[in-house]
Amino acid sequence: MTETLAPLVGLFVSALLSATILPGSSEVLLVALIAGGTPAVSAGVVATVGNTLGSLITYWIGLGLVTVSPRLPRSMRPDAAQLARAEAWFSRYGVWALLFAWLPVVGDALALIAGVLRVRPALFLVLVAIGKAFRYAVVILFTLQFSAPLG
């Protein structure tokens, strides 16, 4: 049981961390696990939940950004260019921009801006989870279509 659970725990942690302001990419691990025989649905659900919770952490950071930001180390502060792009997305698409929170670079900024703008948490979670689930579903479908099982 531990042997089958450990890779999924690793995927969860990878997905969670990669959706915060920390760098990371859970797609590579997801592809490797599926190619190695991990059930695609289980891996997809774990990755989606982890990545969505990681975005929720970034959202919470956005909620406290005004009071916390000056105390953060410079390397952990949001990049001004990323924030400007995210604000432009929000100006153009409103909360629907959160469907794109899975995008590299701008996705983290979208989650952060959603916190700053005090988007309702339930709406945030639904939209972010839909976008992330779609992204992982596409990765899984490509993996199943174009990879041969390992071993």
C-alpha atoms as a PDB file:
ATOM      1  CA  MET A   1       0.000   0.000   0.000  1.00  0.00           C
ATOM      2  CA  THR A   2       2.764   2.461   0.928  1.00  0.00           C
ATOM      3  CA  GLU A   3       4.544   1.688  -2.346  1.00  0.00           C
ATOM      4  CA  THR A   4       1.481   2.703  -4.350  1.00  0.00           C
ATOM      5  CA  LEU A   5       0.600   5.685  -2.167  1.00  0.00           C
ATOM      6  CA  ALA A   6       4.073   7.281  -2.014  1.00  0.00           C
ATOM      7  CA  PRO A   7       4.178   8.337  -5.692  1.00  0.00           C
ATOM      8  CA  LEU A   8       0.749   9.950  -5.386  1.00  0.00           C
ATOM      9  CA  VAL A   9       1.825  11.796  -2.231  1.00  0.00           C
ATOM     10  CA  GLY A  10       4.890  13.006  -4.129  1.00  0.00           C
ATOM     11  CA  LEU A  11       2.668  14.135  -7.009  1.00  0.00           C
ATOM     12  CA  PHE A  12       0.374  15.960  -4.580  1.00  0.00           C
ATOM     13  CA  VAL A  13       3.294  17.815  -2.986  1.00  0.00           C
ATOM     14  CA  SER A  14       4.814  18.627  -6.388  1.00  0.00           C
ATOM     15  CA  ALA A  15       1.475  19.916  -7.710  1.00  0.00           C
ATOM     16  CA  LEU A  16       0.820  21.941  -4.575  1.00  0.00           C
ATOM     17  CA  LEU A  17       4.258  23.593  -4.538  1.00  0.00           C
ATOM     18  CA  SER A  18       4.260  24.310  -8.261  1.00  0.00           C
ATOM     19  CA  ALA A  19       1.040  26.321  -7.876  1.00  0.00           C
ATOM     20  CA  THR A  20       2.558  28.610  -5.256  1.00  0.00           C
ATOM     21  CA  ILE A  21       5.131  31.298  -5.849  1.00  0.00           C
ATOM     22  CA  LEU A  22       7.785  28.567  -5.668  1.00  0.00           C
ATOM     23  CA  PRO A  23       9.044  27.196  -8.995  1.00  0.00           C
ATOM     24  CA  GLY A  24       8.062  23.696 -10.053  1.00  0.00           C
ATOM     25  CA  SER A  25       6.412  21.517 -12.648  1.00  0.00           C
ATOM     26  CA  SER A  26       4.138  18.662 -11.680  1.00  0.00           C
ATOM     27  CA  GLU A  27       3.357  17.663 -15.277  1.00  0.00           C
ATOM     28  CA  VAL A  28       6.648  15.810 -15.687  1.00  0.00           C
ATOM     29  CA  LEU A  29       5.975  13.707 -12.597  1.00  0.00           C
ATOM     30  CA  LEU A  30       2.376  13.127 -13.676  1.00  0.00           C
ATOM     31  CA  VAL A  31       3.491  11.839 -17.076  1.00  0.00           C
ATOM     32  CA  ALA A  32       6.142   9.592 -15.508  1.00  0.00           C
ATOM     33  CA  LEU A  33       3.673   8.101 -13.033  1.00  0.00           C
ATOM     34  CA  ILE A  34       1.067   7.379 -15.692  1.00  0.00           C
ATOM     35  CA  ALA A  35       3.672   5.903 -18.024  1.00  0.00           C
ATOM     36  CA  GLY A  36       4.793   3.778 -15.075  1.00  0.00           C
ATOM     37  CA  GLY A  37       1.329   2.336 -14.542  1.00  0.00           C
ATOM     38  CA  THR A  38      -0.304   4.640 -11.995  1.00  0.00           C
ATOM     39  CA  PRO A  39      -4.025   4.885 -12.769  1.00  0.00           C
ATOM     40  CA  ALA A  40      -4.612   8.054 -14.788  1.00  0.00           C
ATOM     41  CA  VAL A  41      -7.792   9.077 -12.968  1.00  0.00           C
ATOM     42  CA  SER A  42      -6.160   8.777  -9.534  1.00  0.00           C
ATOM     43  CA  ALA A  43      -3.103  10.727 -10.665  1.00  0.00           C
ATOM     44  CA  GLY A  44      -5.259  13.389 -12.309  1.00  0.00           C
ATOM     45  CA  VAL A  45      -7.432  13.895  -9.247  1.00  0.00           C
ATOM     46  CA  VAL A  46      -4.413  14.070  -6.911  1.00  0.00           C
ATOM     47  CA  ALA A  47      -2.603  16.539  -9.177  1.00  0.00           C
ATOM     48  CA  THR A  48      -5.707  18.704  -9.585  1.00  0.00           C
ATOM     49  CA  VAL A  49      -6.432  18.833  -5.851  1.00  0.00           C
ATOM     50  CA  GLY A  50      -2.794  19.562  -4.980  1.00  0.00           C
ATOM     51  CA  ASN A  51      -2.435  22.241  -7.636  1.00  0.00           C
ATOM     52  CA  THR A  52      -5.740  23.867  -6.697  1.00  0.00           C
ATOM     53  CA  LEU A  53      -4.750  23.967  -3.018  1.00  0.00           C
ATOM     54  CA  GLY A  54      -1.412  25.478  -4.023  1.00  0.00           C
ATOM     55  CA  SER A  55      -3.281  28.240  -5.828  1.00  0.00           C
ATOM     56  CA  LEU A  56      -5.409  28.715  -2.715  1.00  0.00           C
ATOM     57  CA  ILE A  57      -2.202  29.327  -0.738  1.00  0.00           C
ATOM     58  CA  THR A  58      -1.209  31.960  -3.289  1.00  0.00           C
ATOM     59  CA  TYR A  59      -4.721  33.443  -3.010  1.00  0.00           C
ATOM     60  CA  TRP A  60      -4.314  33.677   0.793  1.00  0.00           C
ATOM     61  CA  ILE A  61      -0.982  35.399   0.279  1.00  0.00           C
ATOM     62  CA  GLY A  62      -2.821  37.890  -1.928  1.00  0.00           C
ATOM     63  CA  LEU A  63      -5.381  38.476   0.826  1.00  0.00           C
ATOM     64  CA  GLY A  64      -2.600  39.519   3.176  1.00  0.00           C
ATOM     65  CA  LEU A  65      -0.313  41.068   0.583  1.00  0.00           C
ATOM     66  CA  VAL A  66      -0.815  44.673   1.597  1.00  0.00           C
ATOM     67  CA  THR A  67       0.325  44.050   5.165  1.00  0.00           C
ATOM     68  CA  VAL A  68       2.792  41.212   4.527  1.00  0.00           C
ATOM     69  CA  SER A  69       4.542  42.222   1.298  1.00  0.00           C
ATOM     70  CA  PRO A  70       6.972  44.763   2.769  1.00  0.00           C
ATOM     71  CA  ARG A  71       8.230  42.105   5.206  1.00  0.00           C
ATOM     72  CA  LEU A  72       8.811  39.412   2.573  1.00  0.00           C
ATOM     73  CA  PRO A  73      12.319  38.849   1.229  1.00  0.00           C
ATOM     74  CA  ARG A  74      12.703  40.514  -2.180  1.00  0.00           C
ATOM     75  CA  SER A  75      12.980  37.091  -3.880  1.00  0.00           C
ATOM     76  CA  MET A  76       9.525  36.117  -2.591  1.00  0.00           C
ATOM     77  CA  ARG A  77       7.720  39.319  -3.547  1.00  0.00           C
ATOM     78  CA  PRO A  78       5.490  39.196  -6.599  1.00  0.00           C
ATOM     79  CA  ASP A  79       7.124  40.378  -9.797  1.00  0.00           C
ATOM     80  CA  ALA A  80       5.618  43.695 -10.924  1.00  0.00           C
ATOM     81  CA  ALA A  81       5.400  42.611 -14.574  1.00  0.00           C
ATOM     82  CA  GLN A  82       3.545  39.405 -13.670  1.00  0.00           C
ATOM     83  CA  LEU A  83       1.130  41.335 -11.479  1.00  0.00           C
ATOM     84  CA  ALA A  84       0.516  43.855 -14.268  1.00  0.00           C
ATOM     85  CA  ARG A  85      -0.293  41.040 -16.734  1.00  0.00           C
ATOM     86  CA  ALA A  86      -2.624  39.392 -14.222  1.00  0.00           C
ATOM     87  CA  GLU A  87      -4.386  42.678 -13.518  1.00  0.00           C
ATOM     88  CA  ALA A  88      -4.835  43.165 -17.279  1.00  0.00           C
ATOM     89  CA  TRP A  89      -6.391  39.679 -17.521  1.00  0.00           C
ATOM     90  CA  PHE A  90      -8.748  40.530 -14.654  1.00  0.00           C
ATOM     91  CA  SER A  91      -9.675  43.858 -16.239  1.00  0.00           C
ATOM     92  CA  ARG A  92     -10.444  42.144 -19.525  1.00  0.00           C
ATOM     93  CA  TYR A  93     -12.085  38.871 -18.416  1.00  0.00           C
ATOM     94  CA  GLY A  94     -13.129  39.412 -14.800  1.00  0.00           C
ATOM     95  CA  VAL A  95     -13.149  36.389 -12.506  1.00  0.00           C
ATOM     96  CA  TRP A  96     -13.335  34.142 -15.586  1.00  0.00           C
ATOM     97  CA  ALA A  97      -9.605  34.795 -15.958  1.00  0.00           C
ATOM     98  CA  LEU A  98      -9.178  32.321 -13.086  1.00  0.00           C
ATOM     99  CA  LEU A  99      -9.923  29.514 -15.547  1.00  0.00           C
ATOM    100  CA  PHE A 100      -6.385  30.270 -16.772  1.00  0.00           C
ATOM    101  CA  ALA A 101      -4.701  30.031 -13.364  1.00  0.00           C
ATOM    102  CA  TRP A 102      -2.946  26.910 -14.689  1.00  0.00           C
ATOM    103  CA  LEU A 103      -0.822  28.968 -17.094  1.00  0.00           C
ATOM    104  CA  PRO A 104       2.890  29.198 -16.307  1.00  0.00           C
ATOM    105  CA  VAL A 105       3.994  32.487 -14.707  1.00  0.00           C
ATOM    106  CA  VAL A 106       0.753  34.439 -15.125  1.00  0.00           C
ATOM    107  CA  GLY A 107      -1.327  31.758 -13.362  1.00  0.00           C
ATOM    108  CA  ASP A 108       0.321  32.344  -9.993  1.00  0.00           C
ATOM    109  CA  ALA A 109      -0.143  36.075 -10.439  1.00  0.00           C
ATOM    110  CA  LEU A 110      -3.840  35.544 -11.256  1.00  0.00           C
ATOM    111  CA  ALA A 111      -4.325  33.657  -7.995  1.00  0.00           C
ATOM    112  CA  LEU A 112      -2.472  36.375  -6.103  1.00  0.00           C
ATOM    113  CA  ILE A 113      -4.524  39.166  -7.706  1.00  0.00           C
ATOM    114  CA  ALA A 114      -7.722  37.244  -6.910  1.00  0.00           C
ATOM    115  CA  GLY A 115      -6.716  37.379  -3.262  1.00  0.00           C
ATOM    116  CA  VAL A 116      -5.844  41.058  -3.427  1.00  0.00           C
ATOM    117  CA  LEU A 117      -9.213  41.763  -5.078  1.00  0.00           C
ATOM    118  CA  ARG A 118     -11.005  39.617  -2.474  1.00  0.00           C
ATOM    119  CA  VAL A 119     -12.668  37.299  -4.995  1.00  0.00           C
ATOM    120  CA  ARG A 120     -15.103  35.028  -3.143  1.00  0.00           C
ATOM    121  CA  PRO A 121     -13.146  31.909  -2.036  1.00  0.00           C
ATOM    122  CA  ALA A 122     -15.789  29.445  -3.251  1.00  0.00           C
ATOM    123  CA  LEU A 123     -15.918  31.043  -6.701  1.00  0.00           C
ATOM    124  CA  PHE A 124     -12.116  31.135  -6.785  1.00  0.00           C
ATOM    125  CA  LEU A 125     -11.873  27.412  -5.952  1.00  0.00           C
ATOM    126  CA  VAL A 126     -14.466  26.361  -8.527  1.00  0.00           C
ATOM    127  CA  LEU A 127     -12.950  28.322 -11.400  1.00  0.00           C
ATOM    128  CA  VAL A 128      -9.349  27.426 -10.578  1.00  0.00           C
ATOM    129  CA  ALA A 129     -10.189  23.732 -10.106  1.00  0.00           C
ATOM    130  CA  ILE A 130     -12.001  23.610 -13.468  1.00  0.00           C
ATOM    131  CA  GLY A 131      -9.040  25.145 -15.284  1.00  0.00           C
ATOM    132  CA  LYS A 132      -6.480  22.943 -13.569  1.00  0.00           C
ATOM    133  CA  ALA A 133      -8.544  19.770 -14.078  1.00  0.00           C
ATOM    134  CA  PHE A 134      -8.832  20.583 -17.776  1.00  0.00           C
ATOM    135  CA  ARG A 135      -5.078  21.147 -18.052  1.00  0.00           C
ATOM    136  CA  TYR A 136      -4.236  17.857 -16.308  1.00  0.00           C
ATOM    137  CA  ALA A 137      -6.846  16.013 -18.397  1.00  0.00           C
ATOM    138  CA  VAL A 138      -5.122  17.234 -21.565  1.00  0.00           C
ATOM    139  CA  VAL A 139      -1.713  16.147 -20.219  1.00  0.00           C
ATOM    140  CA  ILE A 140      -3.128  12.741 -19.286  1.00  0.00           C
ATOM    141  CA  LEU A 141      -4.824  12.242 -22.663  1.00  0.00           C
ATOM    142  CA  PHE A 142      -1.607  13.091 -24.512  1.00  0.00           C
ATOM    143  CA  THR A 143       0.353  10.780 -22.222  1.00  0.00           C
ATOM    144  CA  LEU A 144      -2.038   7.881 -22.773  1.00  0.00           C
ATOM    145  CA  GLN A 145      -2.116   8.516 -26.505  1.00  0.00           C
ATOM    146  CA  PHE A 146       1.597   8.909 -27.133  1.00  0.00           C
ATOM    147  CA  SER A 147       3.462   6.921 -24.502  1.00  0.00           C
ATOM    148  CA  ALA A 148       4.163   3.251 -24.205  1.00  0.00           C
ATOM    149  CA  PRO A 149       3.998   1.774 -20.698  1.00  0.00           C
ATOM    150  CA  LEU A 150       7.357   1.493 -18.949  1.00  0.00           C
ATOM    151  CA  GLY A 151       8.664  -1.910 -17.959  1.00  0.00           C
END
